[in-house]
């Protein structure tokens, strides 16, 4: 699971921003849209510090 700030996460976010911009969304809104879309996807959500992770999520 890619963590926010990782290269894989950032690459996906940039791709989502570009797709949003190509559909007519402004730069500022494309940033927000990409962030929201990544937060909706369970696989892209951050797990937090190791001590705060739910059991079995390693």
PDB file of N, CA and C in Angstrom:
ATOM      1  N   UNK A   1       0.844  -1.166   0.000  1.00  0.00           N
ATOM      2  CA  UNK A   1       0.000   0.000   0.000  1.00  0.00           C
ATOM      3  C   UNK A   1       0.896   1.239   0.000  1.00  0.00           C
ATOM      4  N   UNK A   2       0.841   2.057  -1.039  1.00  0.00           N
ATOM      5  CA  UNK A   2       1.656   3.277  -1.088  1.00  0.00           C
ATOM      6  C   UNK A   2       1.212   4.280  -0.024  1.00  0.00           C
ATOM      7  N   UNK A   3       2.167   4.885   0.613  1.00  0.00           N
ATOM      8  CA  UNK A   3       1.903   5.893   1.638  1.00  0.00           C
ATOM      9  C   UNK A   3       1.860   7.279   0.998  1.00  0.00           C
ATOM     10  N   UNK A   4       1.052   8.199   1.538  1.00  0.00           N
ATOM     11  CA  UNK A   4       1.104   9.576   1.059  1.00  0.00           C
ATOM     12  C   UNK A   4       2.525  10.109   1.171  1.00  0.00           C
ATOM     13  N   UNK A   5       2.978  10.751   0.107  1.00  0.00           N
ATOM     14  CA  UNK A   5       4.338  11.269   0.066  1.00  0.00           C
ATOM     15  C   UNK A   5       5.323  10.337  -0.613  1.00  0.00           C
ATOM     16  N   UNK A   6       4.917   9.089  -0.834  1.00  0.00           N
ATOM     17  CA  UNK A   6       5.804   8.158  -1.532  1.00  0.00           C
ATOM     18  C   UNK A   6       5.801   8.467  -3.020  1.00  0.00           C
ATOM     19  N   UNK A   7       6.798   7.979  -3.722  1.00  0.00           N
ATOM     20  CA  UNK A   7       6.897   8.249  -5.156  1.00  0.00           C
ATOM     21  C   UNK A   7       5.682   7.693  -5.900  1.00  0.00           C
ATOM     22  N   UNK A   8       5.261   6.504  -5.560  1.00  0.00           N
ATOM     23  CA  UNK A   8       4.120   5.880  -6.231  1.00  0.00           C
ATOM     24  C   UNK A   8       2.834   6.691  -6.004  1.00  0.00           C
ATOM     25  N   UNK A   9       2.638   7.156  -4.779  1.00  0.00           N
ATOM     26  CA  UNK A   9       1.475   7.970  -4.436  1.00  0.00           C
ATOM     27  C   UNK A   9       1.512   9.280  -5.212  1.00  0.00           C
ATOM     28  N   UNK A  10       2.678   9.939  -5.216  1.00  0.00           N
ATOM     29  CA  UNK A  10       2.824  11.222  -5.909  1.00  0.00           C
ATOM     30  C   UNK A  10       2.616  11.084  -7.410  1.00  0.00           C
ATOM     31  N   UNK A  11       3.087   9.984  -7.985  1.00  0.00           N
ATOM     32  CA  UNK A  11       2.902   9.732  -9.411  1.00  0.00           C
ATOM     33  C   UNK A  11       1.416   9.582  -9.726  1.00  0.00           C
ATOM     34  N   UNK A  12       0.715   8.826  -8.904  1.00  0.00           N
ATOM     35  CA  UNK A  12      -0.726   8.631  -9.108  1.00  0.00           C
ATOM     36  C   UNK A  12      -1.482   9.949  -8.958  1.00  0.00           C
ATOM     37  N   UNK A  13      -1.095  10.748  -7.958  1.00  0.00           N
ATOM     38  CA  UNK A  13      -1.747  12.034  -7.725  1.00  0.00           C
ATOM     39  C   UNK A  13      -1.537  12.974  -8.910  1.00  0.00           C
ATOM     40  N   UNK A  14      -0.329  13.003  -9.452  1.00  0.00           N
ATOM     41  CA  UNK A  14      -0.038  13.856 -10.607  1.00  0.00           C
ATOM     42  C   UNK A  14      -0.862  13.426 -11.816  1.00  0.00           C
ATOM     43  N   UNK A  15      -0.994  12.129 -12.007  1.00  0.00           N
ATOM     44  CA  UNK A  15      -1.788  11.618 -13.125  1.00  0.00           C
ATOM     45  C   UNK A  15      -3.260  12.000 -12.968  1.00  0.00           C
ATOM     46  N   UNK A  16      -3.777  11.900 -11.744  1.00  0.00           N
ATOM     47  CA  UNK A  16      -5.173  12.280 -11.491  1.00  0.00           C
ATOM     48  C   UNK A  16      -5.378  13.776 -11.707  1.00  0.00           C
ATOM     49  N   UNK A  17      -4.403  14.596 -11.290  1.00  0.00           N
ATOM     50  CA  UNK A  17      -4.490  16.047 -11.512  1.00  0.00           C
ATOM     51  C   UNK A  17      -4.549  16.357 -12.997  1.00  0.00           C
ATOM     52  N   UNK A  18      -3.674  15.713 -13.763  1.00  0.00           N
ATOM     53  CA  UNK A  18      -3.623  15.964 -15.207  1.00  0.00           C
ATOM     54  C   UNK A  18      -4.937  15.559 -15.869  1.00  0.00           C
ATOM     55  N   UNK A  19      -5.483  14.422 -15.467  1.00  0.00           N
ATOM     56  CA  UNK A  19      -6.769  13.980 -16.017  1.00  0.00           C
ATOM     57  C   UNK A  19      -7.875  14.993 -15.706  1.00  0.00           C
ATOM     58  N   UNK A  20      -7.885  15.508 -14.480  1.00  0.00           N
ATOM     59  CA  UNK A  20      -8.891  16.495 -14.091  1.00  0.00           C
ATOM     60  C   UNK A  20      -8.727  17.782 -14.903  1.00  0.00           C
ATOM     61  N   UNK A  21      -7.490  18.232 -15.069  1.00  0.00           N
ATOM     62  CA  UNK A  21      -7.243  19.445 -15.853  1.00  0.00           C
ATOM     63  C   UNK A  21      -7.687  19.262 -17.295  1.00  0.00           C
ATOM     64  N   UNK A  22      -7.495  18.068 -17.848  1.00  0.00           N
ATOM     65  CA  UNK A  22      -7.893  17.799 -19.227  1.00  0.00           C
ATOM     66  C   UNK A  22      -9.408  17.773 -19.407  1.00  0.00           C
ATOM     67  N   UNK A  23     -10.145  17.615 -18.317  1.00  0.00           N
ATOM     68  CA  UNK A  23     -11.601  17.627 -18.408  1.00  0.00           C
ATOM     69  C   UNK A  23     -12.177  19.011 -18.124  1.00  0.00           C
ATOM     70  N   UNK A  24     -11.294  20.017 -17.971  1.00  0.00           N
ATOM     71  CA  UNK A  24     -11.750  21.386 -17.808  1.00  0.00           C
ATOM     72  C   UNK A  24     -11.755  21.898 -16.385  1.00  0.00           C
ATOM     73  N   UNK A  25     -11.212  21.167 -15.446  1.00  0.00           N
ATOM     74  CA  UNK A  25     -11.144  21.598 -14.056  1.00  0.00           C
ATOM     75  C   UNK A  25      -9.942  22.535 -13.903  1.00  0.00           C
ATOM     76  N   UNK A  26     -10.098  23.618 -13.126  1.00  0.00           N
ATOM     77  CA  UNK A  26      -8.994  24.560 -12.929  1.00  0.00           C
ATOM     78  C   UNK A  26      -7.849  23.893 -12.173  1.00  0.00           C
ATOM     79  N   UNK A  27      -6.673  24.515 -12.234  1.00  0.00           N
ATOM     80  CA  UNK A  27      -5.486  23.972 -11.550  1.00  0.00           C
ATOM     81  C   UNK A  27      -5.741  23.760 -10.062  1.00  0.00           C
ATOM     82  N   UNK A  28      -6.300  24.775  -9.414  1.00  0.00           N
ATOM     83  CA  UNK A  28      -6.535  24.688  -7.974  1.00  0.00           C
ATOM     84  C   UNK A  28      -7.541  23.591  -7.649  1.00  0.00           C
ATOM     85  N   UNK A  29      -8.597  23.507  -8.440  1.00  0.00           N
ATOM     86  CA  UNK A  29      -9.609  22.487  -8.194  1.00  0.00           C
ATOM     87  C   UNK A  29      -9.097  21.096  -8.541  1.00  0.00           C
ATOM     88  N   UNK A  30      -8.220  20.995  -9.538  1.00  0.00           N
ATOM     89  CA  UNK A  30      -7.658  19.695  -9.923  1.00  0.00           C
ATOM     90  C   UNK A  30      -6.839  19.119  -8.774  1.00  0.00           C
ATOM     91  N   UNK A  31      -6.133  19.965  -8.061  1.00  0.00           N
ATOM     92  CA  UNK A  31      -5.358  19.525  -6.905  1.00  0.00           C
ATOM     93  C   UNK A  31      -6.290  18.942  -5.835  1.00  0.00           C
ATOM     94  N   UNK A  32      -7.372  19.626  -5.565  1.00  0.00           N
ATOM     95  CA  UNK A  32      -8.345  19.171  -4.570  1.00  0.00           C
ATOM     96  C   UNK A  32      -9.018  17.885  -5.012  1.00  0.00           C
ATOM     97  N   UNK A  33      -9.413  17.817  -6.278  1.00  0.00           N
ATOM     98  CA  UNK A  33     -10.084  16.631  -6.822  1.00  0.00           C
ATOM     99  C   UNK A  33      -9.171  15.408  -6.730  1.00  0.00           C
ATOM    100  N   UNK A  34      -7.910  15.571  -7.095  1.00  0.00           N
ATOM    101  CA  UNK A  34      -6.958  14.456  -7.040  1.00  0.00           C
ATOM    102  C   UNK A  34      -6.780  13.978  -5.608  1.00  0.00           C
ATOM    103  N   UNK A  35      -6.652  14.899  -4.679  1.00  0.00           N
ATOM    104  CA  UNK A  35      -6.497  14.543  -3.274  1.00  0.00           C
ATOM    105  C   UNK A  35      -7.697  13.788  -2.738  1.00  0.00           C
ATOM    106  N   UNK A  36      -8.891  14.262  -3.094  1.00  0.00           N
ATOM    107  CA  UNK A  36     -10.112  13.601  -2.631  1.00  0.00           C
ATOM    108  C   UNK A  36     -10.234  12.199  -3.216  1.00  0.00           C
ATOM    109  N   UNK A  37      -9.899  12.063  -4.483  1.00  0.00           N
ATOM    110  CA  UNK A  37     -10.005  10.757  -5.118  1.00  0.00           C
ATOM    111  C   UNK A  37      -9.041   9.755  -4.493  1.00  0.00           C
ATOM    112  N   UNK A  38      -7.848  10.204  -4.161  1.00  0.00           N
ATOM    113  CA  UNK A  38      -6.878   9.307  -3.516  1.00  0.00           C
ATOM    114  C   UNK A  38      -7.325   8.942  -2.103  1.00  0.00           C
ATOM    115  N   UNK A  39      -7.957   9.861  -1.398  1.00  0.00           N
ATOM    116  CA  UNK A  39      -8.423   9.572  -0.046  1.00  0.00           C
ATOM    117  C   UNK A  39      -9.586   8.580  -0.055  1.00  0.00           C
ATOM    118  N   UNK A  40     -10.383   8.591  -1.121  1.00  0.00           N
ATOM    119  CA  UNK A  40     -11.499   7.655  -1.232  1.00  0.00           C
ATOM    120  C   UNK A  40     -11.016   6.225  -1.414  1.00  0.00           C
ATOM    121  N   UNK A  41      -9.911   6.055  -2.134  1.00  0.00           N
ATOM    122  CA  UNK A  41      -9.379   4.724  -2.393  1.00  0.00           C
ATOM    123  C   UNK A  41      -8.686   4.166  -1.167  1.00  0.00           C
ATOM    124  N   UNK A  42      -9.145   3.045  -0.676  1.00  0.00           N
ATOM    125  CA  UNK A  42      -8.597   2.435   0.540  1.00  0.00           C
ATOM    126  C   UNK A  42      -7.115   2.108   0.386  1.00  0.00           C
ATOM    127  N   UNK A  43      -6.686   1.675  -0.800  1.00  0.00           N
ATOM    128  CA  UNK A  43      -5.300   1.271  -0.993  1.00  0.00           C
ATOM    129  C   UNK A  43      -4.319   2.427  -0.931  1.00  0.00           C
ATOM    130  N   UNK A  44      -4.781   3.680  -1.065  1.00  0.00           N
ATOM    131  CA  UNK A  44      -3.886   4.833  -1.069  1.00  0.00           C
ATOM    132  C   UNK A  44      -3.890   5.575   0.257  1.00  0.00           C
ATOM    133  N   UNK A  45      -4.696   5.142   1.185  1.00  0.00           N
ATOM    134  CA  UNK A  45      -4.819   5.831   2.457  1.00  0.00           C
ATOM    135  C   UNK A  45      -3.613   5.559   3.344  1.00  0.00           C
ATOM    136  N   UNK A  46      -3.119   6.570   4.014  1.00  0.00           N
ATOM    137  CA  UNK A  46      -1.989   6.402   4.918  1.00  0.00           C
ATOM    138  C   UNK A  46      -2.376   5.569   6.131  1.00  0.00           C
ATOM    139  N   UNK A  47      -1.405   4.835   6.645  1.00  0.00           N
ATOM    140  CA  UNK A  47      -1.684   3.976   7.783  1.00  0.00           C
ATOM    141  C   UNK A  47      -1.263   4.603   9.090  1.00  0.00           C
ATOM    142  N   UNK A  48      -0.573   5.700   9.060  1.00  0.00           N
ATOM    143  CA  UNK A  48      -0.129   6.360  10.269  1.00  0.00           C
ATOM    144  C   UNK A  48       1.145   5.724  10.809  1.00  0.00           C
ATOM    145  N   UNK A  49       1.671   6.286  11.883  1.00  0.00           N
ATOM    146  CA  UNK A  49       2.877   5.718  12.482  1.00  0.00           C
ATOM    147  C   UNK A  49       2.653   4.270  12.914  1.00  0.00           C
ATOM    148  N   UNK A  50       3.685   3.494  12.913  1.00  0.00           N
ATOM    149  CA  UNK A  50       3.574   2.067  13.184  1.00  0.00           C
ATOM    150  C   UNK A  50       2.857   1.781  14.495  1.00  0.00           C
ATOM    151  N   UNK A  51       3.091   2.555  15.522  1.00  0.00           N
ATOM    152  CA  UNK A  51       2.442   2.328  16.810  1.00  0.00           C
ATOM    153  C   UNK A  51       0.937   2.570  16.774  1.00  0.00           C
ATOM    154  N   UNK A  52       0.462   3.309  15.773  1.00  0.00           N
ATOM    155  CA  UNK A  52      -0.952   3.641  15.696  1.00  0.00           C
ATOM    156  C   UNK A  52      -1.705   2.828  14.639  1.00  0.00           C
ATOM    157  N   UNK A  53      -1.021   1.922  13.968  1.00  0.00           N
ATOM    158  CA  UNK A  53      -1.656   1.127  12.928  1.00  0.00           C
ATOM    159  C   UNK A  53      -2.548   0.064  13.549  1.00  0.00           C
ATOM    160  N   UNK A  54      -3.653  -0.248  12.883  1.00  0.00           N
ATOM    161  CA  UNK A  54      -4.498  -1.330  13.374  1.00  0.00           C
ATOM    162  C   UNK A  54      -3.750  -2.665  13.256  1.00  0.00           C
ATOM    163  N   UNK A  55      -4.083  -3.592  14.112  1.00  0.00           N
ATOM    164  CA  UNK A  55      -3.431  -4.908  14.098  1.00  0.00           C
ATOM    165  C   UNK A  55      -3.655  -5.589  12.756  1.00  0.00           C
ATOM    166  N   UNK A  56      -2.631  -6.213  12.218  1.00  0.00           N
ATOM    167  CA  UNK A  56      -2.742  -6.948  10.965  1.00  0.00           C
ATOM    168  C   UNK A  56      -2.610  -6.115   9.715  1.00  0.00           C
ATOM    169  N   UNK A  57      -2.259  -4.848   9.811  1.00  0.00           N
ATOM    170  CA  UNK A  57      -2.175  -3.994   8.620  1.00  0.00           C
ATOM    171  C   UNK A  57      -0.758  -3.835   8.122  1.00  0.00           C
ATOM    172  N   UNK A  58       0.169  -4.661   8.568  1.00  0.00           N
ATOM    173  CA  UNK A  58       1.566  -4.507   8.183  1.00  0.00           C
ATOM    174  C   UNK A  58       1.889  -5.170   6.924  1.00  0.00           C
TER     175      UNK A  58
END
